[in-house]
Amino acid sequence: MKTDRPRVAIQGIRASFHEEAAFRYFGESIETIECNSFKQTFEALKNKEADYIVMAIENSIAGSILPNYSLMMGYSYPVVGEVYVPIQLHLMALPGVRFDDVKYVTSHPIAIRQCIDFFDEYPHLKIVESNDTAACAKRIRDEQLTDTVAIANTLAAQLYGLDVLERRIESNKLNFTRFLILTTHENARRKGPANKASLCFQVNNEVGALAKVLNIFAHENVNMSKIQSMPVLGRRNEYNFYVDIEWEEAKQYDNAIRQILKYTHNFNILGEYQKYEEDSTPKVKENPESKKRYITVKRIE
């Protein structure tokens, strides 16, 4: 691995929110590996075409991205970090296009869900879903679409030469997406002592089974910051529980893990890492004209 310029696989293209998250976590000196899907990012890591994955896992408006939990379990690559990105969504079009002439709006389905209040005001607009916000902006530029607007960030508008017709159309202005950083077991190393972990486990289908686990966290002063359940494929009334926990002292975490192993099965530690702090990651300047930001970009087809 080239430690001075890590190769980071993202779902999407230049100026996407995934690339912004990668810059926030790693800094600007990275090689972006563009992928068409989340599964493709894992394949890039598996095939040694990338050193890391940056993957969205939840949004404060749209909620959890459930298929990505299955990908984490299926590929078993450890989580080594996280980063939160504030999501500001804008409506953009080719220069000179008037909003009155627009018939279609295109974006990623998660971004569309975050702007539902805006669309309620304009029911005549036909929504076209795509796999990436920035790719929608690029398509308008490439195909010179005069009847279509995209929902994306400021970077995409500037990079692809579009005019912003309406700013901040997201329903909730305090809108964040959480991204996880994954890598291979050989490459896994933390920036410092861990104070957060992502777990996955199952419990018996009986009264109080999950409560026993949760009470252990509380007794050991371990904060459970998230819990997500997903059905186990092919098994009725069986669920995987994905849990994020945080602690101040390592012994709190160690004691909790030893105890919950008695009440769980198929227990997995998906990753131990440092929880995100606003000042712990590099600041990214929104200047897409700077060639320094896009040192190398590869496309995985």
C-alpha atoms as a PDB file:
ATOM      1  CA  MET A   1       0.000   0.000   0.000  1.00  0.00           C
ATOM      2  CA  LYS A   2       1.184   3.526  -0.725  1.00  0.00           C
ATOM      3  CA  THR A   3       0.841   5.094   2.691  1.00  0.00           C
ATOM      4  CA  ASP A   4       1.513   8.605   1.377  1.00  0.00           C
ATOM      5  CA  ARG A   5      -1.480   8.435  -0.977  1.00  0.00           C
ATOM      6  CA  PRO A   6      -4.079   5.864   0.083  1.00  0.00           C
ATOM      7  CA  ARG A   7      -6.435   4.510  -2.557  1.00  0.00           C
ATOM      8  CA  VAL A   8      -9.991   5.088  -1.343  1.00  0.00           C
ATOM      9  CA  ALA A   9     -12.987   3.375  -2.965  1.00  0.00           C
ATOM     10  CA  ILE A  10     -16.218   5.372  -2.999  1.00  0.00           C
ATOM     11  CA  GLN A  11     -19.680   4.821  -4.402  1.00  0.00           C
ATOM     12  CA  GLY A  12     -20.056   7.626  -6.919  1.00  0.00           C
ATOM     13  CA  ILE A  13     -17.834  10.052  -8.789  1.00  0.00           C
ATOM     14  CA  ARG A  14     -15.935  13.295  -8.273  1.00  0.00           C
ATOM     15  CA  ALA A  15     -17.671  15.880  -6.097  1.00  0.00           C
ATOM     16  CA  SER A  16     -20.008  13.280  -4.569  1.00  0.00           C
ATOM     17  CA  PHE A  17     -20.691  13.302  -0.849  1.00  0.00           C
ATOM     18  CA  HIS A  18     -18.646  10.112  -0.562  1.00  0.00           C
ATOM     19  CA  GLU A  19     -15.612  11.875  -1.960  1.00  0.00           C
ATOM     20  CA  GLU A  20     -16.186  14.768   0.412  1.00  0.00           C
ATOM     21  CA  ALA A  21     -16.286  12.283   3.293  1.00  0.00           C
ATOM     22  CA  ALA A  22     -13.043  10.708   2.073  1.00  0.00           C
ATOM     23  CA  PHE A  23     -11.323  14.110   2.026  1.00  0.00           C
ATOM     24  CA  ARG A  24     -12.624  14.917   5.486  1.00  0.00           C
ATOM     25  CA  TYR A  25     -11.200  11.700   6.911  1.00  0.00           C
ATOM     26  CA  PHE A  26      -7.962  11.208   4.980  1.00  0.00           C
ATOM     27  CA  GLY A  27      -7.137  14.717   3.817  1.00  0.00           C
ATOM     28  CA  GLU A  28      -6.673  15.803   0.221  1.00  0.00           C
ATOM     29  CA  SER A  29      -3.743  13.616  -0.824  1.00  0.00           C
ATOM     30  CA  ILE A  30      -5.666  10.475  -1.801  1.00  0.00           C
ATOM     31  CA  GLU A  31      -6.398   8.466  -4.914  1.00  0.00           C
ATOM     32  CA  THR A  32     -10.148   8.243  -5.424  1.00  0.00           C
ATOM     33  CA  ILE A  33     -11.431   4.942  -6.818  1.00  0.00           C
ATOM     34  CA  GLU A  34     -14.845   5.588  -8.357  1.00  0.00           C
ATOM     35  CA  CYS A  35     -17.336   2.698  -8.165  1.00  0.00           C
ATOM     36  CA  ASN A  36     -20.865   2.263  -9.463  1.00  0.00           C
ATOM     37  CA  SER A  37     -22.214   0.515  -6.358  1.00  0.00           C
ATOM     38  CA  PHE A  38     -21.415  -0.141  -2.730  1.00  0.00           C
ATOM     39  CA  LYS A  39     -20.730  -3.794  -3.497  1.00  0.00           C
ATOM     40  CA  GLN A  40     -18.203  -2.688  -6.094  1.00  0.00           C
ATOM     41  CA  THR A  41     -16.271  -0.777  -3.423  1.00  0.00           C
ATOM     42  CA  PHE A  42     -15.897  -4.009  -1.441  1.00  0.00           C
ATOM     43  CA  GLU A  43     -14.795  -5.847  -4.565  1.00  0.00           C
ATOM     44  CA  ALA A  44     -12.189  -3.144  -5.196  1.00  0.00           C
ATOM     45  CA  LEU A  45     -10.816  -3.707  -1.700  1.00  0.00           C
ATOM     46  CA  LYS A  46     -10.951  -7.479  -2.136  1.00  0.00           C
ATOM     47  CA  ASN A  47      -9.085  -7.291  -5.464  1.00  0.00           C
ATOM     48  CA  LYS A  48      -6.445  -4.960  -3.983  1.00  0.00           C
ATOM     49  CA  GLU A  49      -7.532  -2.109  -6.254  1.00  0.00           C
ATOM     50  CA  ALA A  50      -8.202   0.009  -3.159  1.00  0.00           C
ATOM     51  CA  ASP A  51      -6.792   0.315   0.342  1.00  0.00           C
ATOM     52  CA  TYR A  52      -9.896   1.693   2.042  1.00  0.00           C
ATOM     53  CA  ILE A  53     -13.650   2.015   1.590  1.00  0.00           C
ATOM     54  CA  VAL A  54     -15.694   5.066   2.561  1.00  0.00           C
ATOM     55  CA  MET A  55     -19.320   3.971   2.853  1.00  0.00           C
ATOM     56  CA  ALA A  56     -22.462   5.810   3.975  1.00  0.00           C
ATOM     57  CA  ILE A  57     -24.327   3.923   6.677  1.00  0.00           C
ATOM     58  CA  GLU A  58     -27.042   6.317   7.889  1.00  0.00           C
ATOM     59  CA  ASN A  59     -28.565   9.727   7.351  1.00  0.00           C
ATOM     60  CA  SER A  60     -30.281  11.860   9.968  1.00  0.00           C
ATOM     61  CA  ILE A  61     -33.378  12.233   7.754  1.00  0.00           C
ATOM     62  CA  ALA A  62     -33.502   9.119   5.563  1.00  0.00           C
ATOM     63  CA  GLY A  63     -32.298   6.710   8.266  1.00  0.00           C
ATOM     64  CA  SER A  64     -30.095   3.638   7.951  1.00  0.00           C
ATOM     65  CA  ILE A  65     -28.869   2.250   4.628  1.00  0.00           C
ATOM     66  CA  LEU A  66     -29.779  -1.336   5.418  1.00  0.00           C
ATOM     67  CA  PRO A  67     -28.115  -3.172   2.482  1.00  0.00           C
ATOM     68  CA  ASN A  68     -24.742  -1.832   3.614  1.00  0.00           C
ATOM     69  CA  TYR A  69     -25.011  -3.715   6.900  1.00  0.00           C
ATOM     70  CA  SER A  70     -25.348  -6.934   4.907  1.00  0.00           C
ATOM     71  CA  LEU A  71     -22.263  -6.003   2.863  1.00  0.00           C
ATOM     72  CA  MET A  72     -20.234  -5.494   6.025  1.00  0.00           C
ATOM     73  CA  MET A  73     -21.207  -8.927   7.312  1.00  0.00           C
ATOM     74  CA  GLY A  74     -20.733 -10.594   3.947  1.00  0.00           C
ATOM     75  CA  TYR A  75     -17.212  -9.295   3.321  1.00  0.00           C
ATOM     76  CA  SER A  76     -16.050  -9.136   6.973  1.00  0.00           C
ATOM     77  CA  TYR A  77     -13.719  -6.168   6.546  1.00  0.00           C
ATOM     78  CA  PRO A  78     -13.134  -4.243   9.783  1.00  0.00           C
ATOM     79  CA  VAL A  79     -14.423  -0.755  10.476  1.00  0.00           C
ATOM     80  CA  VAL A  80     -11.476   1.470  11.425  1.00  0.00           C
ATOM     81  CA  GLY A  81     -13.136   4.883  11.593  1.00  0.00           C
ATOM     82  CA  GLU A  82     -16.152   7.076  10.963  1.00  0.00           C
ATOM     83  CA  VAL A  83     -16.885  10.596   9.762  1.00  0.00           C
ATOM     84  CA  TYR A  84     -19.995  12.773   9.685  1.00  0.00           C
ATOM     85  CA  VAL A  85     -20.667  15.082   6.738  1.00  0.00           C
ATOM     86  CA  PRO A  86     -23.271  17.878   6.834  1.00  0.00           C
ATOM     87  CA  ILE A  87     -25.586  17.427   3.857  1.00  0.00           C
ATOM     88  CA  GLN A  88     -26.624  20.558   1.992  1.00  0.00           C
ATOM     89  CA  LEU A  89     -28.658  19.864  -1.130  1.00  0.00           C
ATOM     90  CA  HIS A  90     -29.171  22.323  -3.975  1.00  0.00           C
ATOM     91  CA  LEU A  91     -31.235  22.325  -7.162  1.00  0.00           C
ATOM     92  CA  MET A  92     -29.023  22.907 -10.210  1.00  0.00           C
ATOM     93  CA  ALA A  93     -29.372  23.189 -13.986  1.00  0.00           C
ATOM     94  CA  LEU A  94     -27.551  24.281 -17.111  1.00  0.00           C
ATOM     95  CA  PRO A  95     -26.855  28.016 -17.264  1.00  0.00           C
ATOM     96  CA  GLY A  96     -29.862  29.893 -18.656  1.00  0.00           C
ATOM     97  CA  VAL A  97     -32.432  27.228 -17.788  1.00  0.00           C
ATOM     98  CA  ARG A  98     -35.494  28.610 -16.021  1.00  0.00           C
ATOM     99  CA  PHE A  99     -37.242  26.649 -13.307  1.00  0.00           C
ATOM    100  CA  ASP A 100     -40.563  27.053 -15.140  1.00  0.00           C
ATOM    101  CA  ASP A 101     -39.155  25.010 -18.049  1.00  0.00           C
ATOM    102  CA  VAL A 102     -38.068  22.078 -15.879  1.00  0.00           C
ATOM    103  CA  LYS A 103     -39.935  18.774 -16.168  1.00  0.00           C
ATOM    104  CA  TYR A 104     -37.592  16.295 -14.498  1.00  0.00           C
ATOM    105  CA  VAL A 105     -35.495  16.228 -11.350  1.00  0.00           C
ATOM    106  CA  THR A 106     -32.823  13.578 -10.885  1.00  0.00           C
ATOM    107  CA  SER A 107     -30.728  12.486  -7.923  1.00  0.00           C
ATOM    108  CA  HIS A 108     -29.875   9.599  -5.625  1.00  0.00           C
ATOM    109  CA  PRO A 109     -33.012   8.170  -3.937  1.00  0.00           C
ATOM    110  CA  ILE A 110     -31.648   8.993  -0.475  1.00  0.00           C
ATOM    111  CA  ALA A 111     -31.136  12.639  -1.488  1.00  0.00           C
ATOM    112  CA  ILE A 112     -34.632  12.731  -2.957  1.00  0.00           C
ATOM    113  CA  ARG A 113     -36.112  11.456   0.301  1.00  0.00           C
ATOM    114  CA  GLN A 114     -34.330  14.255   2.127  1.00  0.00           C
ATOM    115  CA  CYS A 115     -36.118  16.867  -0.032  1.00  0.00           C
ATOM    116  CA  ILE A 116     -39.667  15.530   0.123  1.00  0.00           C
ATOM    117  CA  ASP A 117     -41.143  18.799   1.431  1.00  0.00           C
ATOM    118  CA  PHE A 118     -39.770  20.668  -1.582  1.00  0.00           C
ATOM    119  CA  PHE A 119     -41.329  18.214  -4.029  1.00  0.00           C
ATOM    120  CA  ASP A 120     -44.694  18.480  -2.319  1.00  0.00           C
ATOM    121  CA  GLU A 121     -44.753  22.101  -3.495  1.00  0.00           C
ATOM    122  CA  TYR A 122     -44.051  21.122  -7.121  1.00  0.00           C
ATOM    123  CA  PRO A 123     -46.017  17.924  -7.830  1.00  0.00           C
ATOM    124  CA  HIS A 124     -45.639  18.370 -11.601  1.00  0.00           C
ATOM    125  CA  LEU A 125     -41.934  17.485 -11.442  1.00  0.00           C
ATOM    126  CA  LYS A 126     -41.179  13.922 -12.457  1.00  0.00           C
ATOM    127  CA  ILE A 127     -38.548  12.312 -10.231  1.00  0.00           C
ATOM    128  CA  VAL A 128     -35.829  10.205 -11.868  1.00  0.00           C
ATOM    129  CA  GLU A 129     -33.660   8.219  -9.465  1.00  0.00           C
ATOM    130  CA  SER A 130     -29.974   7.629 -10.122  1.00  0.00           C
ATOM    131  CA  ASN A 131     -27.062   5.996  -8.322  1.00  0.00           C
ATOM    132  CA  ASP A 132     -25.147   9.158  -7.440  1.00  0.00           C
ATOM    133  CA  THR A 133     -25.844  12.847  -6.847  1.00  0.00           C
ATOM    134  CA  ALA A 134     -22.740  14.137  -8.613  1.00  0.00           C
ATOM    135  CA  ALA A 135     -23.325  11.799 -11.563  1.00  0.00           C
ATOM    136  CA  CYS A 136     -26.706  13.445 -12.103  1.00  0.00           C
ATOM    137  CA  ALA A 137     -25.061  16.860 -12.321  1.00  0.00           C
ATOM    138  CA  LYS A 138     -22.450  15.500 -14.724  1.00  0.00           C
ATOM    139  CA  ARG A 139     -25.137  13.937 -16.945  1.00  0.00           C
ATOM    140  CA  ILE A 140     -26.930  17.280 -17.291  1.00  0.00           C
ATOM    141  CA  ARG A 141     -23.642  18.861 -18.377  1.00  0.00           C
ATOM    142  CA  ASP A 142     -22.641  16.028 -20.721  1.00  0.00           C
ATOM    143  CA  GLU A 143     -26.042  15.647 -22.395  1.00  0.00           C
ATOM    144  CA  GLN A 144     -26.935  19.356 -22.240  1.00  0.00           C
ATOM    145  CA  LEU A 145     -30.334  18.613 -20.711  1.00  0.00           C
ATOM    146  CA  THR A 146     -32.452  21.758 -20.634  1.00  0.00           C
ATOM    147  CA  ASP A 147     -35.580  20.187 -19.092  1.00  0.00           C
ATOM    148  CA  THR A 148     -33.851  18.495 -16.146  1.00  0.00           C
ATOM    149  CA  VAL A 149     -32.436  19.634 -12.808  1.00  0.00           C
ATOM    150  CA  ALA A 150     -30.225  17.710 -10.417  1.00  0.00           C
ATOM    151  CA  ILE A 151     -30.019  17.621  -6.643  1.00  0.00           C
ATOM    152  CA  ALA A 152     -26.415  17.667  -5.494  1.00  0.00           C
ATOM    153  CA  ASN A 153     -23.874  19.679  -3.510  1.00  0.00           C
ATOM    154  CA  THR A 154     -22.095  22.944  -4.317  1.00  0.00           C
ATOM    155  CA  LEU A 155     -18.956  21.127  -5.426  1.00  0.00           C
ATOM    156  CA  ALA A 156     -20.883  19.290  -8.134  1.00  0.00           C
ATOM    157  CA  ALA A 157     -22.467  22.510  -9.410  1.00  0.00           C
ATOM    158  CA  GLN A 158     -19.110  24.239  -9.680  1.00  0.00           C
ATOM    159  CA  LEU A 159     -17.225  21.242 -11.075  1.00  0.00           C
ATOM    160  CA  TYR A 160     -19.774  20.556 -13.839  1.00  0.00           C
ATOM    161  CA  GLY A 161     -20.600  24.184 -14.630  1.00  0.00           C
ATOM    162  CA  LEU A 162     -24.215  24.301 -13.481  1.00  0.00           C
ATOM    163  CA  ASP A 163     -26.237  27.155 -12.026  1.00  0.00           C
ATOM    164  CA  VAL A 164     -27.861  26.717  -8.626  1.00  0.00           C
ATOM    165  CA  LEU A 165     -31.573  27.521  -9.011  1.00  0.00           C
ATOM    166  CA  GLU A 166     -32.547  26.880  -5.408  1.00  0.00           C
ATOM    167  CA  ARG A 167     -30.286  26.429  -2.385  1.00  0.00           C
ATOM    168  CA  ARG A 168     -30.800  24.250   0.682  1.00  0.00           C
ATOM    169  CA  ILE A 169     -33.887  22.358  -0.412  1.00  0.00           C
ATOM    170  CA  GLU A 170     -33.382  19.572   2.146  1.00  0.00           C
ATOM    171  CA  SER A 171     -36.327  19.260   4.533  1.00  0.00           C
ATOM    172  CA  ASN A 172     -34.198  19.436   7.664  1.00  0.00           C
ATOM    173  CA  LYS A 173     -31.341  21.917   7.674  1.00  0.00           C
ATOM    174  CA  LEU A 174     -29.567  19.976  10.429  1.00  0.00           C
ATOM    175  CA  ASN A 175     -28.907  17.079   8.093  1.00  0.00           C
ATOM    176  CA  PHE A 176     -25.898  14.780   8.447  1.00  0.00           C
ATOM    177  CA  THR A 177     -24.734  11.526   6.908  1.00  0.00           C
ATOM    178  CA  ARG A 178     -22.509   9.133   8.814  1.00  0.00           C
ATOM    179  CA  PHE A 179     -19.822   7.339   6.811  1.00  0.00           C
ATOM    180  CA  LEU A 180     -17.785   4.325   7.905  1.00  0.00           C
ATOM    181  CA  ILE A 181     -14.159   3.696   6.967  1.00  0.00           C
ATOM    182  CA  LEU A 182     -13.284   0.061   6.237  1.00  0.00           C
ATOM    183  CA  THR A 183     -10.090  -1.690   5.207  1.00  0.00           C
ATOM    184  CA  THR A 184      -8.463  -5.118   5.133  1.00  0.00           C
ATOM    185  CA  HIS A 185      -7.427  -6.891   8.332  1.00  0.00           C
ATOM    186  CA  GLU A 186      -3.785  -6.602   7.263  1.00  0.00           C
ATOM    187  CA  ASN A 187      -4.080  -2.855   6.806  1.00  0.00           C
ATOM    188  CA  ALA A 188      -6.231  -2.149   9.872  1.00  0.00           C
ATOM    189  CA  ARG A 189      -4.718   0.223  12.361  1.00  0.00           C
ATOM    190  CA  ARG A 190      -6.226   2.951  14.474  1.00  0.00           C
ATOM    191  CA  LYS A 191      -5.209   6.568  14.844  1.00  0.00           C
ATOM    192  CA  GLY A 192      -5.294   6.144  18.620  1.00  0.00           C
ATOM    193  CA  PRO A 193      -6.994   4.231  21.452  1.00  0.00           C
ATOM    194  CA  ALA A 194     -10.468   3.028  20.514  1.00  0.00           C
ATOM    195  CA  ASN A 195     -13.494   4.448  22.303  1.00  0.00           C
ATOM    196  CA  LYS A 196     -16.219   3.161  19.992  1.00  0.00           C
ATOM    197  CA  ALA A 197     -17.158  -0.194  18.482  1.00  0.00           C
ATOM    198  CA  SER A 198     -19.657  -1.629  16.019  1.00  0.00           C
ATOM    199  CA  LEU A 199     -21.049  -5.037  16.969  1.00  0.00           C
ATOM    200  CA  CYS A 200     -23.381  -7.587  15.439  1.00  0.00           C
ATOM    201  CA  PHE A 201     -25.050 -10.429  17.333  1.00  0.00           C
ATOM    202  CA  GLN A 202     -28.174 -12.531  17.721  1.00  0.00           C
ATOM    203  CA  VAL A 203     -30.137 -13.400  20.835  1.00  0.00           C
ATOM    204  CA  ASN A 204     -32.609 -16.142  21.618  1.00  0.00           C
ATOM    205  CA  ASN A 205     -36.249 -15.525  20.728  1.00  0.00           C
ATOM    206  CA  GLU A 206     -37.460 -15.387  24.315  1.00  0.00           C
ATOM    207  CA  VAL A 207     -38.685 -12.835  26.829  1.00  0.00           C
ATOM    208  CA  GLY A 208     -35.982 -10.425  27.992  1.00  0.00           C
ATOM    209  CA  ALA A 209     -33.173 -11.854  25.834  1.00  0.00           C
ATOM    210  CA  LEU A 210     -32.177  -8.513  24.308  1.00  0.00           C
ATOM    211  CA  ALA A 211     -32.842  -6.638  27.559  1.00  0.00           C
ATOM    212  CA  LYS A 212     -30.153  -8.687  29.310  1.00  0.00           C
ATOM    213  CA  VAL A 213     -27.566  -7.434  26.818  1.00  0.00           C
ATOM    214  CA  LEU A 214     -28.707  -3.832  27.025  1.00  0.00           C
ATOM    215  CA  ASN A 215     -28.684  -3.904  30.827  1.00  0.00           C
ATOM    216  CA  ILE A 216     -25.053  -5.043  30.765  1.00  0.00           C
ATOM    217  CA  PHE A 217     -24.107  -1.993  28.709  1.00  0.00           C
ATOM    218  CA  ALA A 218     -25.905   0.261  31.181  1.00  0.00           C
ATOM    219  CA  HIS A 219     -24.316  -1.428  34.206  1.00  0.00           C
ATOM    220  CA  GLU A 220     -20.812  -1.003  32.769  1.00  0.00           C
ATOM    221  CA  ASN A 221     -21.464   2.659  31.816  1.00  0.00           C
ATOM    222  CA  VAL A 222     -21.142   1.840  28.115  1.00  0.00           C
ATOM    223  CA  ASN A 223     -23.269   4.121  25.956  1.00  0.00           C
ATOM    224  CA  MET A 224     -25.256   2.485  23.153  1.00  0.00           C
ATOM    225  CA  SER A 225     -25.377   5.165  20.468  1.00  0.00           C
ATOM    226  CA  LYS A 226     -27.267   3.079  17.879  1.00  0.00           C
ATOM    227  CA  ILE A 227     -29.180  -0.163  17.499  1.00  0.00           C
ATOM    228  CA  GLN A 228     -30.447  -1.579  14.203  1.00  0.00           C
ATOM    229  CA  SER A 229     -32.199  -4.909  13.653  1.00  0.00           C
ATOM    230  CA  MET A 230     -32.339  -6.883  10.427  1.00  0.00           C
ATOM    231  CA  PRO A 231     -34.015 -10.258   9.773  1.00  0.00           C
ATOM    232  CA  VAL A 232     -31.746 -13.256   9.339  1.00  0.00           C
ATOM    233  CA  LEU A 233     -32.384 -14.528   5.818  1.00  0.00           C
ATOM    234  CA  GLY A 234     -34.354 -17.765   5.732  1.00  0.00           C
ATOM    235  CA  ARG A 235     -35.024 -17.852   9.478  1.00  0.00           C
ATOM    236  CA  ARG A 236     -38.370 -16.809  10.884  1.00  0.00           C
ATOM    237  CA  ASN A 237     -38.301 -14.603  13.998  1.00  0.00           C
ATOM    238  CA  GLU A 238     -34.500 -14.409  14.039  1.00  0.00           C
ATOM    239  CA  TYR A 239     -32.675 -11.087  13.786  1.00  0.00           C
ATOM    240  CA  ASN A 240     -29.206  -9.662  13.618  1.00  0.00           C
ATOM    241  CA  PHE A 241     -28.753  -6.716  15.962  1.00  0.00           C
ATOM    242  CA  TYR A 242     -26.226  -4.125  14.851  1.00  0.00           C
ATOM    243  CA  VAL A 243     -25.130  -2.029  17.807  1.00  0.00           C
ATOM    244  CA  ASP A 244     -22.719   0.908  18.164  1.00  0.00           C
ATOM    245  CA  ILE A 245     -21.339   1.494  21.641  1.00  0.00           C
ATOM    246  CA  GLU A 246     -19.044   4.106  23.187  1.00  0.00           C
ATOM    247  CA  TRP A 247     -17.005   4.160  26.390  1.00  0.00           C
ATOM    248  CA  GLU A 248     -14.580   6.317  28.341  1.00  0.00           C
ATOM    249  CA  GLU A 249     -12.376   3.611  29.856  1.00  0.00           C
ATOM    250  CA  ALA A 250     -11.270   0.455  28.070  1.00  0.00           C
ATOM    251  CA  LYS A 251     -12.137  -1.753  31.053  1.00  0.00           C
ATOM    252  CA  GLN A 252     -15.803  -0.743  30.699  1.00  0.00           C
ATOM    253  CA  TYR A 253     -15.829  -2.079  27.159  1.00  0.00           C
ATOM    254  CA  ASP A 254     -13.854  -5.226  28.031  1.00  0.00           C
ATOM    255  CA  ASN A 255     -16.150  -6.075  30.934  1.00  0.00           C
ATOM    256  CA  ALA A 256     -19.272  -5.542  28.834  1.00  0.00           C
ATOM    257  CA  ILE A 257     -18.045  -7.752  26.000  1.00  0.00           C
ATOM    258  CA  ARG A 258     -17.112 -10.610  28.336  1.00  0.00           C
ATOM    259  CA  GLN A 259     -20.575 -10.564  29.882  1.00  0.00           C
ATOM    260  CA  ILE A 260     -22.717 -10.242  26.763  1.00  0.00           C
ATOM    261  CA  LEU A 261     -21.010 -13.222  25.169  1.00  0.00           C
ATOM    262  CA  LYS A 262     -23.015 -15.344  27.648  1.00  0.00           C
ATOM    263  CA  TYR A 263     -26.324 -14.099  26.235  1.00  0.00           C
ATOM    264  CA  THR A 264     -25.616 -13.827  22.498  1.00  0.00           C
ATOM    265  CA  HIS A 265     -24.673 -16.051  19.584  1.00  0.00           C
ATOM    266  CA  ASN A 266     -23.071 -15.383  16.200  1.00  0.00           C
ATOM    267  CA  PHE A 267     -21.325 -12.485  17.916  1.00  0.00           C
ATOM    268  CA  ASN A 268     -19.083 -10.306  15.719  1.00  0.00           C
ATOM    269  CA  ILE A 269     -16.996  -7.220  16.408  1.00  0.00           C
ATOM    270  CA  LEU A 270     -17.283  -5.303  13.145  1.00  0.00           C
ATOM    271  CA  GLY A 271     -14.712  -2.752  14.220  1.00  0.00           C
ATOM    272  CA  GLU A 272     -13.111  -0.887  17.120  1.00  0.00           C
ATOM    273  CA  TYR A 273     -12.181   2.719  16.386  1.00  0.00           C
ATOM    274  CA  GLN A 274     -12.177   6.311  17.583  1.00  0.00           C
ATOM    275  CA  LYS A 275     -15.551   8.001  17.510  1.00  0.00           C
ATOM    276  CA  TYR A 276     -15.861  11.040  15.287  1.00  0.00           C
ATOM    277  CA  GLU A 277     -15.033  14.418  16.755  1.00  0.00           C
ATOM    278  CA  GLU A 278     -15.559  17.594  14.718  1.00  0.00           C
ATOM    279  CA  ASP A 279     -11.947  18.700  15.067  1.00  0.00           C
ATOM    280  CA  SER A 280     -10.358  15.264  14.602  1.00  0.00           C
ATOM    281  CA  THR A 281     -10.507  15.159  10.793  1.00  0.00           C
ATOM    282  CA  PRO A 282      -8.980  17.452   8.153  1.00  0.00           C
ATOM    283  CA  LYS A 283     -11.038  20.421   7.000  1.00  0.00           C
ATOM    284  CA  VAL A 284     -11.875  20.448   3.306  1.00  0.00           C
ATOM    285  CA  LYS A 285     -12.126  23.672   1.367  1.00  0.00           C
ATOM    286  CA  GLU A 286     -14.953  23.776  -1.159  1.00  0.00           C
ATOM    287  CA  ASN A 287     -12.759  24.716  -4.102  1.00  0.00           C
ATOM    288  CA  PRO A 288     -13.240  22.229  -6.944  1.00  0.00           C
ATOM    289  CA  GLU A 289     -11.062  24.338  -9.240  1.00  0.00           C
ATOM    290  CA  SER A 290      -8.036  23.363  -7.196  1.00  0.00           C
ATOM    291  CA  LYS A 291      -6.248  20.551  -9.017  1.00  0.00           C
ATOM    292  CA  LYS A 292      -4.728  19.601  -5.695  1.00  0.00           C
ATOM    293  CA  ARG A 293      -8.068  18.149  -4.582  1.00  0.00           C
ATOM    294  CA  TYR A 294      -8.301  15.639  -7.408  1.00  0.00           C
ATOM    295  CA  ILE A 295      -4.802  14.247  -7.665  1.00  0.00           C
ATOM    296  CA  THR A 296      -5.757  10.888  -9.153  1.00  0.00           C
ATOM    297  CA  VAL A 297      -9.120   9.381 -10.031  1.00  0.00           C
ATOM    298  CA  LYS A 298      -9.717   5.859 -11.272  1.00  0.00           C
ATOM    299  CA  ARG A 299     -12.992   4.428 -12.499  1.00  0.00           C
ATOM    300  CA  ILE A 300     -14.000   0.835 -11.676  1.00  0.00           C
ATOM    301  CA  GLU A 301     -16.434  -0.360 -14.332  1.00  0.00           C
END
